[in-house]
mmCIF file of all heavy atoms, coordinates in Angstrom:
data_MODEL
# 
_entry.id   MODEL 
# 
loop_
_atom_site.group_PDB 
_atom_site.id 
_atom_site.type_symbol 
_atom_site.label_atom_id 
_atom_site.label_alt_id 
_atom_site.label_comp_id 
_atom_site.label_asym_id 
_atom_site.label_entity_id 
_atom_site.label_seq_id 
_atom_site.pdbx_PDB_ins_code 
_atom_site.Cartn_x 
_atom_site.Cartn_y 
_atom_site.Cartn_z 
_atom_site.occupancy 
_atom_site.B_iso_or_equiv 
_atom_site.pdbx_formal_charge 
_atom_site.auth_seq_id 
_atom_site.auth_comp_id 
_atom_site.auth_asym_id 
_atom_site.auth_atom_id 
_atom_site.pdbx_PDB_model_num 
ATOM 1   N N   . ALA A 1 1  ? 27.648 -34.305 103.836 1.00 0.00 ? 1  ALA A N   1 
ATOM 2   C CA  . ALA A 1 1  ? 26.425 -34.648 103.099 1.00 0.00 ? 1  ALA A CA  1 
ATOM 3   C C   . ALA A 1 1  ? 26.723 -34.910 101.630 1.00 0.00 ? 1  ALA A C   1 
ATOM 4   O O   . ALA A 1 1  ? 26.121 -35.798 101.009 1.00 0.00 ? 1  ALA A O   1 
ATOM 5   C CB  . ALA A 1 1  ? 25.404 -33.517 103.250 1.00 0.00 ? 1  ALA A CB  1 
ATOM 6   N N   . PHE A 1 2  ? 27.667 -34.162 101.070 1.00 0.00 ? 2  PHE A N   1 
ATOM 7   C CA  . PHE A 1 2  ? 28.017 -34.333 99.655  1.00 0.00 ? 2  PHE A CA  1 
ATOM 8   C C   . PHE A 1 2  ? 28.579 -35.732 99.396  1.00 0.00 ? 2  PHE A C   1 
ATOM 9   O O   . PHE A 1 2  ? 28.150 -36.433 98.470  1.00 0.00 ? 2  PHE A O   1 
ATOM 10  C CB  . PHE A 1 2  ? 29.026 -33.254 99.249  1.00 0.00 ? 2  PHE A CB  1 
ATOM 11  C CG  . PHE A 1 2  ? 29.591 -33.447 97.878  1.00 0.00 ? 2  PHE A CG  1 
ATOM 12  C CD1 . PHE A 1 2  ? 28.844 -33.114 96.761  1.00 0.00 ? 2  PHE A CD1 1 
ATOM 13  C CD2 . PHE A 1 2  ? 30.876 -33.967 97.705  1.00 0.00 ? 2  PHE A CD2 1 
ATOM 14  C CE1 . PHE A 1 2  ? 29.366 -33.296 95.485  1.00 0.00 ? 2  PHE A CE1 1 
ATOM 15  C CE2 . PHE A 1 2  ? 31.393 -34.150 96.436  1.00 0.00 ? 2  PHE A CE2 1 
ATOM 16  C CZ  . PHE A 1 2  ? 30.638 -33.813 95.326  1.00 0.00 ? 2  PHE A CZ  1 
ATOM 17  N N   . PHE A 1 3  ? 29.528 -36.154 100.205 1.00 0.00 ? 3  PHE A N   1 
ATOM 18  C CA  . PHE A 1 3  ? 30.136 -37.467 99.997  1.00 0.00 ? 3  PHE A CA  1 
ATOM 19  C C   . PHE A 1 3  ? 29.156 -38.590 100.303 1.00 0.00 ? 3  PHE A C   1 
ATOM 20  O O   . PHE A 1 3  ? 29.118 -39.607 99.599  1.00 0.00 ? 3  PHE A O   1 
ATOM 21  C CB  . PHE A 1 3  ? 31.393 -37.612 100.855 1.00 0.00 ? 3  PHE A CB  1 
ATOM 22  C CG  . PHE A 1 3  ? 32.621 -37.035 100.213 1.00 0.00 ? 3  PHE A CG  1 
ATOM 23  C CD1 . PHE A 1 3  ? 33.094 -35.780 100.583 1.00 0.00 ? 3  PHE A CD1 1 
ATOM 24  C CD2 . PHE A 1 3  ? 33.301 -37.726 99.233  1.00 0.00 ? 3  PHE A CD2 1 
ATOM 25  C CE1 . PHE A 1 3  ? 34.220 -35.241 99.991  1.00 0.00 ? 3  PHE A CE1 1 
ATOM 26  C CE2 . PHE A 1 3  ? 34.435 -37.197 98.644  1.00 0.00 ? 3  PHE A CE2 1 
ATOM 27  C CZ  . PHE A 1 3  ? 34.890 -35.956 99.015  1.00 0.00 ? 3  PHE A CZ  1 
ATOM 28  N N   . VAL A 1 4  ? 28.353 -38.435 101.339 1.00 0.00 ? 4  VAL A N   1 
ATOM 29  C CA  . VAL A 1 4  ? 27.388 -39.485 101.687 1.00 0.00 ? 4  VAL A CA  1 
ATOM 30  C C   . VAL A 1 4  ? 26.331 -39.612 100.597 1.00 0.00 ? 4  VAL A C   1 
ATOM 31  O O   . VAL A 1 4  ? 25.937 -40.725 100.223 1.00 0.00 ? 4  VAL A O   1 
ATOM 32  C CB  . VAL A 1 4  ? 26.757 -39.199 103.057 1.00 0.00 ? 4  VAL A CB  1 
ATOM 33  C CG1 . VAL A 1 4  ? 25.619 -40.180 103.341 1.00 0.00 ? 4  VAL A CG1 1 
ATOM 34  C CG2 . VAL A 1 4  ? 27.809 -39.305 104.155 1.00 0.00 ? 4  VAL A CG2 1 
ATOM 35  N N   . LEU A 1 5  ? 25.842 -38.491 100.079 1.00 0.00 ? 5  LEU A N   1 
ATOM 36  C CA  . LEU A 1 5  ? 24.880 -38.554 98.984  1.00 0.00 ? 5  LEU A CA  1 
ATOM 37  C C   . LEU A 1 5  ? 25.497 -39.188 97.740  1.00 0.00 ? 5  LEU A C   1 
ATOM 38  O O   . LEU A 1 5  ? 24.833 -39.935 97.006  1.00 0.00 ? 5  LEU A O   1 
ATOM 39  C CB  . LEU A 1 5  ? 24.365 -37.150 98.664  1.00 0.00 ? 5  LEU A CB  1 
ATOM 40  C CG  . LEU A 1 5  ? 23.370 -36.546 99.659  1.00 0.00 ? 5  LEU A CG  1 
ATOM 41  C CD1 . LEU A 1 5  ? 23.030 -35.118 99.275  1.00 0.00 ? 5  LEU A CD1 1 
ATOM 42  C CD2 . LEU A 1 5  ? 22.101 -37.393 99.720  1.00 0.00 ? 5  LEU A CD2 1 
ATOM 43  N N   . GLY A 1 6  ? 26.765 -38.891 97.486  1.00 0.00 ? 6  GLY A N   1 
ATOM 44  C CA  . GLY A 1 6  ? 27.446 -39.533 96.362  1.00 0.00 ? 6  GLY A CA  1 
ATOM 45  C C   . GLY A 1 6  ? 27.546 -41.045 96.546  1.00 0.00 ? 6  GLY A C   1 
ATOM 46  O O   . GLY A 1 6  ? 27.337 -41.814 95.599  1.00 0.00 ? 6  GLY A O   1 
ATOM 47  N N   . LEU A 1 7  ? 27.852 -41.462 97.775  1.00 0.00 ? 7  LEU A N   1 
ATOM 48  C CA  . LEU A 1 7  ? 27.908 -42.893 98.068  1.00 0.00 ? 7  LEU A CA  1 
ATOM 49  C C   . LEU A 1 7  ? 26.539 -43.542 97.896  1.00 0.00 ? 7  LEU A C   1 
ATOM 50  O O   . LEU A 1 7  ? 26.424 -44.629 97.312  1.00 0.00 ? 7  LEU A O   1 
ATOM 51  C CB  . LEU A 1 7  ? 28.429 -43.110 99.487  1.00 0.00 ? 7  LEU A CB  1 
ATOM 52  C CG  . LEU A 1 7  ? 29.925 -42.915 99.711  1.00 0.00 ? 7  LEU A CG  1 
ATOM 53  C CD1 . LEU A 1 7  ? 30.248 -42.881 101.194 1.00 0.00 ? 7  LEU A CD1 1 
ATOM 54  C CD2 . LEU A 1 7  ? 30.709 -44.041 99.036  1.00 0.00 ? 7  LEU A CD2 1 
ATOM 55  N N   . LEU A 1 8  ? 25.507 -42.892 98.406  1.00 0.00 ? 8  LEU A N   1 
ATOM 56  C CA  . LEU A 1 8  ? 24.161 -43.445 98.282  1.00 0.00 ? 8  LEU A CA  1 
ATOM 57  C C   . LEU A 1 8  ? 23.730 -43.532 96.821  1.00 0.00 ? 8  LEU A C   1 
ATOM 58  O O   . LEU A 1 8  ? 23.097 -44.512 96.406  1.00 0.00 ? 8  LEU A O   1 
ATOM 59  C CB  . LEU A 1 8  ? 23.167 -42.590 99.070  1.00 0.00 ? 8  LEU A CB  1 
ATOM 60  C CG  . LEU A 1 8  ? 23.281 -42.673 100.592 1.00 0.00 ? 8  LEU A CG  1 
ATOM 61  C CD1 . LEU A 1 8  ? 22.289 -41.712 101.254 1.00 0.00 ? 8  LEU A CD1 1 
ATOM 62  C CD2 . LEU A 1 8  ? 23.033 -44.095 101.075 1.00 0.00 ? 8  LEU A CD2 1 
ATOM 63  N N   . ALA A 1 9  ? 24.056 -42.500 96.039  1.00 0.00 ? 9  ALA A N   1 
ATOM 64  C CA  . ALA A 1 9  ? 23.694 -42.522 94.622  1.00 0.00 ? 9  ALA A CA  1 
ATOM 65  C C   . ALA A 1 9  ? 24.398 -43.669 93.895  1.00 0.00 ? 9  ALA A C   1 
ATOM 66  O O   . ALA A 1 9  ? 23.775 -44.406 93.123  1.00 0.00 ? 9  ALA A O   1 
ATOM 67  C CB  . ALA A 1 9  ? 24.048 -41.187 93.976  1.00 0.00 ? 9  ALA A CB  1 
ATOM 68  N N   . ALA A 1 10 ? 25.702 -43.844 94.144  1.00 0.00 ? 10 ALA A N   1 
ATOM 69  C CA  . ALA A 1 10 ? 26.439 -44.941 93.506  1.00 0.00 ? 10 ALA A CA  1 
ATOM 70  C C   . ALA A 1 10 ? 25.909 -46.294 93.960  1.00 0.00 ? 10 ALA A C   1 
ATOM 71  O O   . ALA A 1 10 ? 25.782 -47.231 93.155  1.00 0.00 ? 10 ALA A O   1 
ATOM 72  C CB  . ALA A 1 10 ? 27.929 -44.818 93.826  1.00 0.00 ? 10 ALA A CB  1 
ATOM 73  N N   . PHE A 1 11 ? 25.574 -46.401 95.243  1.00 0.00 ? 11 PHE A N   1 
ATOM 74  C CA  . PHE A 1 11 ? 25.048 -47.664 95.774  1.00 0.00 ? 11 PHE A CA  1 
ATOM 75  C C   . PHE A 1 11 ? 23.700 -48.004 95.156  1.00 0.00 ? 11 PHE A C   1 
ATOM 76  O O   . PHE A 1 11 ? 23.463 -49.142 94.724  1.00 0.00 ? 11 PHE A O   1 
ATOM 77  C CB  . PHE A 1 11 ? 24.931 -47.555 97.296  1.00 0.00 ? 11 PHE A CB  1 
ATOM 78  C CG  . PHE A 1 11 ? 24.295 -48.746 97.949  1.00 0.00 ? 11 PHE A CG  1 
ATOM 79  C CD1 . PHE A 1 11 ? 25.033 -49.879 98.218  1.00 0.00 ? 11 PHE A CD1 1 
ATOM 80  C CD2 . PHE A 1 11 ? 22.955 -48.729 98.294  1.00 0.00 ? 11 PHE A CD2 1 
ATOM 81  C CE1 . PHE A 1 11 ? 24.452 -50.983 98.819  1.00 0.00 ? 11 PHE A CE1 1 
ATOM 82  C CE2 . PHE A 1 11 ? 22.360 -49.825 98.896  1.00 0.00 ? 11 PHE A CE2 1 
ATOM 83  C CZ  . PHE A 1 11 ? 23.111 -50.952 99.162  1.00 0.00 ? 11 PHE A CZ  1 
ATOM 84  N N   . ILE A 1 12 ? 22.801 -47.036 95.085  1.00 0.00 ? 12 ILE A N   1 
ATOM 85  C CA  . ILE A 1 12 ? 21.453 -47.293 94.571  1.00 0.00 ? 12 ILE A CA  1 
ATOM 86  C C   . ILE A 1 12 ? 21.490 -47.621 93.084  1.00 0.00 ? 12 ILE A C   1 
ATOM 87  O O   . ILE A 1 12 ? 20.821 -48.559 92.619  1.00 0.00 ? 12 ILE A O   1 
ATOM 88  C CB  . ILE A 1 12 ? 20.547 -46.078 94.846  1.00 0.00 ? 12 ILE A CB  1 
ATOM 89  C CG1 . ILE A 1 12 ? 20.315 -45.929 96.359  1.00 0.00 ? 12 ILE A CG1 1 
ATOM 90  C CG2 . ILE A 1 12 ? 19.206 -46.219 94.124  1.00 0.00 ? 12 ILE A CG2 1 
ATOM 91  C CD1 . ILE A 1 12 ? 19.563 -44.670 96.743  1.00 0.00 ? 12 ILE A CD1 1 
ATOM 92  N N   . VAL A 1 13 ? 22.269 -46.865 92.310  1.00 0.00 ? 13 VAL A N   1 
ATOM 93  C CA  . VAL A 1 13 ? 22.361 -47.134 90.873  1.00 0.00 ? 13 VAL A CA  1 
ATOM 94  C C   . VAL A 1 13 ? 22.951 -48.522 90.612  1.00 0.00 ? 13 VAL A C   1 
ATOM 95  O O   . VAL A 1 13 ? 22.442 -49.290 89.779  1.00 0.00 ? 13 VAL A O   1 
ATOM 96  C CB  . VAL A 1 13 ? 23.196 -46.038 90.183  1.00 0.00 ? 13 VAL A CB  1 
ATOM 97  C CG1 . VAL A 1 13 ? 23.496 -46.415 88.738  1.00 0.00 ? 13 VAL A CG1 1 
ATOM 98  C CG2 . VAL A 1 13 ? 22.467 -44.705 90.230  1.00 0.00 ? 13 VAL A CG2 1 
ATOM 99  N N   . SER A 1 14 ? 24.002 -48.864 91.323  1.00 0.00 ? 14 SER A N   1 
ATOM 100 C CA  . SER A 1 14 ? 24.630 -50.178 91.132  1.00 0.00 ? 14 SER A CA  1 
ATOM 101 C C   . SER A 1 14 ? 23.700 -51.300 91.561  1.00 0.00 ? 14 SER A C   1 
ATOM 102 O O   . SER A 1 14 ? 23.605 -52.334 90.887  1.00 0.00 ? 14 SER A O   1 
ATOM 103 C CB  . SER A 1 14 ? 25.938 -50.248 91.910  1.00 0.00 ? 14 SER A CB  1 
ATOM 104 O OG  . SER A 1 14 ? 26.835 -49.234 91.506  1.00 0.00 ? 14 SER A OG  1 
ATOM 105 N N   . LEU A 1 15 ? 23.000 -51.102 92.675  1.00 0.00 ? 15 LEU A N   1 
ATOM 106 C CA  . LEU A 1 15 ? 22.081 -52.136 93.156  1.00 0.00 ? 15 LEU A CA  1 
ATOM 107 C C   . LEU A 1 15 ? 20.907 -52.303 92.190  1.00 0.00 ? 15 LEU A C   1 
ATOM 108 O O   . LEU A 1 15 ? 20.467 -53.437 91.935  1.00 0.00 ? 15 LEU A O   1 
ATOM 109 C CB  . LEU A 1 15 ? 21.578 -51.772 94.547  1.00 0.00 ? 15 LEU A CB  1 
ATOM 110 C CG  . LEU A 1 15 ? 20.661 -52.812 95.221  1.00 0.00 ? 15 LEU A CG  1 
ATOM 111 C CD1 . LEU A 1 15 ? 21.405 -54.136 95.392  1.00 0.00 ? 15 LEU A CD1 1 
ATOM 112 C CD2 . LEU A 1 15 ? 20.178 -52.302 96.571  1.00 0.00 ? 15 LEU A CD2 1 
ATOM 113 N N   . PHE A 1 16 ? 20.402 -51.216 91.659  1.00 0.00 ? 16 PHE A N   1 
ATOM 114 C CA  . PHE A 1 16 ? 19.311 -51.304 90.678  1.00 0.00 ? 16 PHE A CA  1 
ATOM 115 C C   . PHE A 1 16 ? 19.768 -52.053 89.427  1.00 0.00 ? 16 PHE A C   1 
ATOM 116 O O   . PHE A 1 16 ? 19.030 -52.882 88.878  1.00 0.00 ? 16 PHE A O   1 
ATOM 117 C CB  . PHE A 1 16 ? 18.825 -49.900 90.315  1.00 0.00 ? 16 PHE A CB  1 
ATOM 118 C CG  . PHE A 1 16 ? 17.738 -49.890 89.278  1.00 0.00 ? 16 PHE A CG  1 
ATOM 119 C CD1 . PHE A 1 16 ? 16.432 -50.177 89.624  1.00 0.00 ? 16 PHE A CD1 1 
ATOM 120 C CD2 . PHE A 1 16 ? 18.033 -49.600 87.954  1.00 0.00 ? 16 PHE A CD2 1 
ATOM 121 C CE1 . PHE A 1 16 ? 15.425 -50.175 88.662  1.00 0.00 ? 16 PHE A CE1 1 
ATOM 122 C CE2 . PHE A 1 16 ? 17.038 -49.604 86.980  1.00 0.00 ? 16 PHE A CE2 1 
ATOM 123 C CZ  . PHE A 1 16 ? 15.722 -49.886 87.345  1.00 0.00 ? 16 PHE A CZ  1 
ATOM 124 N N   . TYR A 1 17 ? 20.978 -51.785 88.977  1.00 0.00 ? 17 TYR A N   1 
ATOM 125 C CA  . TYR A 1 17 ? 21.518 -52.488 87.806  1.00 0.00 ? 17 TYR A CA  1 
ATOM 126 C C   . TYR A 1 17 ? 21.677 -53.981 88.098  1.00 0.00 ? 17 TYR A C   1 
ATOM 127 O O   . TYR A 1 17 ? 21.327 -54.829 87.267  1.00 0.00 ? 17 TYR A O   1 
ATOM 128 C CB  . TYR A 1 17 ? 22.860 -51.876 87.426  1.00 0.00 ? 17 TYR A CB  1 
ATOM 129 C CG  . TYR A 1 17 ? 23.521 -52.535 86.240  1.00 0.00 ? 17 TYR A CG  1 
ATOM 130 C CD1 . TYR A 1 17 ? 23.147 -52.197 84.948  1.00 0.00 ? 17 TYR A CD1 1 
ATOM 131 C CD2 . TYR A 1 17 ? 24.521 -53.485 86.420  1.00 0.00 ? 17 TYR A CD2 1 
ATOM 132 C CE1 . TYR A 1 17 ? 23.757 -52.800 83.850  1.00 0.00 ? 17 TYR A CE1 1 
ATOM 133 C CE2 . TYR A 1 17 ? 25.130 -54.091 85.334  1.00 0.00 ? 17 TYR A CE2 1 
ATOM 134 C CZ  . TYR A 1 17 ? 24.742 -53.741 84.052  1.00 0.00 ? 17 TYR A CZ  1 
ATOM 135 O OH  . TYR A 1 17 ? 25.344 -54.363 82.981  1.00 0.00 ? 17 TYR A OH  1 
ATOM 136 N N   . ALA A 1 18 ? 22.186 -54.314 89.291  1.00 0.00 ? 18 ALA A N   1 
ATOM 137 C CA  . ALA A 1 18 ? 22.360 -55.718 89.658  1.00 0.00 ? 18 ALA A CA  1 
ATOM 138 C C   . ALA A 1 18 ? 21.007 -56.423 89.758  1.00 0.00 ? 18 ALA A C   1 
ATOM 139 O O   . ALA A 1 18 ? 20.858 -57.569 89.314  1.00 0.00 ? 18 ALA A O   1 
ATOM 140 C CB  . ALA A 1 18 ? 23.121 -55.826 90.976  1.00 0.00 ? 18 ALA A CB  1 
ATOM 141 N N   . LEU A 1 19 ? 20.005 -55.760 90.334  1.00 0.00 ? 19 LEU A N   1 
ATOM 142 C CA  . LEU A 1 19 ? 18.671 -56.352 90.429  1.00 0.00 ? 19 LEU A CA  1 
ATOM 143 C C   . LEU A 1 19 ? 18.070 -56.575 89.047  1.00 0.00 ? 19 LEU A C   1 
ATOM 144 O O   . LEU A 1 19 ? 17.406 -57.591 88.803  1.00 0.00 ? 19 LEU A O   1 
ATOM 145 C CB  . LEU A 1 19 ? 17.761 -55.455 91.265  1.00 0.00 ? 19 LEU A CB  1 
ATOM 146 C CG  . LEU A 1 19 ? 18.007 -55.460 92.778  1.00 0.00 ? 19 LEU A CG  1 
ATOM 147 C CD1 . LEU A 1 19 ? 17.143 -54.405 93.456  1.00 0.00 ? 19 LEU A CD1 1 
ATOM 148 C CD2 . LEU A 1 19 ? 17.730 -56.833 93.368  1.00 0.00 ? 19 LEU A CD2 1 
ATOM 149 N N   . ASN A 1 20 ? 18.293 -55.640 88.153  1.00 0.00 ? 20 ASN A N   1 
ATOM 150 C CA  . ASN A 1 20 ? 17.776 -55.785 86.787  1.00 0.00 ? 20 ASN A CA  1 
ATOM 151 C C   . ASN A 1 20 ? 18.398 -57.001 86.103  1.00 0.00 ? 20 ASN A C   1 
ATOM 152 O O   . ASN A 1 20 ? 17.701 -57.803 85.462  1.00 0.00 ? 20 ASN A O   1 
ATOM 153 C CB  . ASN A 1 20 ? 18.073 -54.510 86.000  1.00 0.00 ? 20 ASN A CB  1 
ATOM 154 C CG  . ASN A 1 20 ? 17.491 -54.551 84.600  1.00 0.00 ? 20 ASN A CG  1 
ATOM 155 O OD1 . ASN A 1 20 ? 16.456 -55.175 84.378  1.00 0.00 ? 20 ASN A OD1 1 
ATOM 156 N ND2 . ASN A 1 20 ? 18.139 -53.903 83.660  1.00 0.00 ? 20 ASN A ND2 1 
ATOM 157 N N   . LYS A 1 21 ? 19.701 -57.170 86.230  1.00 0.00 ? 21 LYS A N   1 
ATOM 158 C CA  . LYS A 1 21 ? 20.369 -58.322 85.640  1.00 0.00 ? 21 LYS A CA  1 
ATOM 159 C C   . LYS A 1 21 ? 19.959 -59.616 86.333  1.00 0.00 ? 21 LYS A C   1 
ATOM 160 O O   . LYS A 1 21 ? 19.865 -60.678 85.689  1.00 0.00 ? 21 LYS A O   1 
ATOM 161 C CB  . LYS A 1 21 ? 21.883 -58.140 85.708  1.00 0.00 ? 21 LYS A CB  1 
ATOM 162 C CG  . LYS A 1 21 ? 22.411 -56.990 84.857  1.00 0.00 ? 21 LYS A CG  1 
ATOM 163 C CD  . LYS A 1 21 ? 22.064 -57.194 83.401  1.00 0.00 ? 21 LYS A CD  1 
ATOM 164 C CE  . LYS A 1 21 ? 22.603 -56.061 82.545  1.00 0.00 ? 21 LYS A CE  1 
ATOM 165 N NZ  . LYS A 1 21 ? 22.244 -56.235 81.103  1.00 0.00 ? 21 LYS A NZ  1 
ATOM 166 N N   . PHE A 1 22 ? 19.713 -59.538 87.632  1.00 0.00 ? 22 PHE A N   1 
ATOM 167 C CA  . PHE A 1 22 ? 19.275 -60.723 88.372  1.00 0.00 ? 22 PHE A CA  1 
ATOM 168 C C   . PHE A 1 22 ? 17.905 -61.190 87.889  1.00 0.00 ? 22 PHE A C   1 
ATOM 169 O O   . PHE A 1 22 ? 17.687 -62.387 87.658  1.00 0.00 ? 22 PHE A O   1 
ATOM 170 C CB  . PHE A 1 22 ? 19.238 -60.402 89.864  1.00 0.00 ? 22 PHE A CB  1 
ATOM 171 C CG  . PHE A 1 22 ? 18.588 -61.464 90.699  1.00 0.00 ? 22 PHE A CG  1 
ATOM 172 C CD1 . PHE A 1 22 ? 19.243 -62.656 90.965  1.00 0.00 ? 22 PHE A CD1 1 
ATOM 173 C CD2 . PHE A 1 22 ? 17.323 -61.273 91.213  1.00 0.00 ? 22 PHE A CD2 1 
ATOM 174 C CE1 . PHE A 1 22 ? 18.649 -63.639 91.733  1.00 0.00 ? 22 PHE A CE1 1 
ATOM 175 C CE2 . PHE A 1 22 ? 16.712 -62.249 91.982  1.00 0.00 ? 22 PHE A CE2 1 
ATOM 176 C CZ  . PHE A 1 22 ? 17.376 -63.438 92.240  1.00 0.00 ? 22 PHE A CZ  1 
ATOM 177 N N   . VAL A 1 23 ? 16.984 -60.260 87.720  1.00 0.00 ? 23 VAL A N   1 
ATOM 178 C CA  . VAL A 1 23 ? 15.643 -60.611 87.233  1.00 0.00 ? 23 VAL A CA  1 
ATOM 179 C C   . VAL A 1 23 ? 15.718 -61.172 85.820  1.00 0.00 ? 23 VAL A C   1 
ATOM 180 O O   . VAL A 1 23 ? 15.045 -62.152 85.475  1.00 0.00 ? 23 VAL A O   1 
ATOM 181 C CB  . VAL A 1 23 ? 14.719 -59.381 87.299  1.00 0.00 ? 23 VAL A CB  1 
ATOM 182 C CG1 . VAL A 1 23 ? 13.382 -59.672 86.631  1.00 0.00 ? 23 VAL A CG1 1 
ATOM 183 C CG2 . VAL A 1 23 ? 14.501 -58.959 88.743  1.00 0.00 ? 23 VAL A CG2 1 
ATOM 184 N N   . SER A 1 24 ? 16.556 -60.567 84.976  1.00 0.00 ? 24 SER A N   1 
ATOM 185 C CA  . SER A 1 24 ? 16.710 -61.055 83.604  1.00 0.00 ? 24 SER A CA  1 
ATOM 186 C C   . SER A 1 24 ? 17.288 -62.470 83.578  1.00 0.00 ? 24 SER A C   1 
ATOM 187 O O   . SER A 1 24 ? 16.819 -63.334 82.818  1.00 0.00 ? 24 SER A O   1 
ATOM 188 C CB  . SER A 1 24 ? 17.615 -60.100 82.822  1.00 0.00 ? 24 SER A CB  1 
ATOM 189 O OG  . SER A 1 24 ? 17.844 -60.575 81.515  1.00 0.00 ? 24 SER A OG  1 
ATOM 190 N N   . SER A 1 25 ? 18.283 -62.736 84.417  1.00 0.00 ? 25 SER A N   1 
ATOM 191 C CA  . SER A 1 25 ? 18.873 -64.079 84.468  1.00 0.00 ? 25 SER A CA  1 
ATOM 192 C C   . SER A 1 25 ? 17.883 -65.097 85.003  1.00 0.00 ? 25 SER A C   1 
ATOM 193 O O   . SER A 1 25 ? 17.778 -66.212 84.469  1.00 0.00 ? 25 SER A O   1 
ATOM 194 C CB  . SER A 1 25 ? 20.129 -64.053 85.342  1.00 0.00 ? 25 SER A CB  1 
ATOM 195 O OG  . SER A 1 25 ? 21.089 -63.134 84.850  1.00 0.00 ? 25 SER A OG  1 
ATOM 196 N N   . ALA A 1 26 ? 17.146 -64.732 86.040  1.00 0.00 ? 26 ALA A N   1 
ATOM 197 C CA  . ALA A 1 26 ? 16.154 -65.653 86.604  1.00 0.00 ? 26 ALA A CA  1 
ATOM 198 C C   . ALA A 1 26 ? 15.059 -65.961 85.588  1.00 0.00 ? 26 ALA A C   1 
ATOM 199 O O   . ALA A 1 26 ? 14.590 -67.101 85.487  1.00 0.00 ? 26 ALA A O   1 
ATOM 200 C CB  . ALA A 1 26 ? 15.558 -65.050 87.873  1.00 0.00 ? 26 ALA A CB  1 
# 
């Protein structure tokens, strides 16, 4: 659970950052 939660946290934070930059570029 520790490693999976770490993966999910890294995935969500990175995806949120990418979406933010995508909206700004669009």
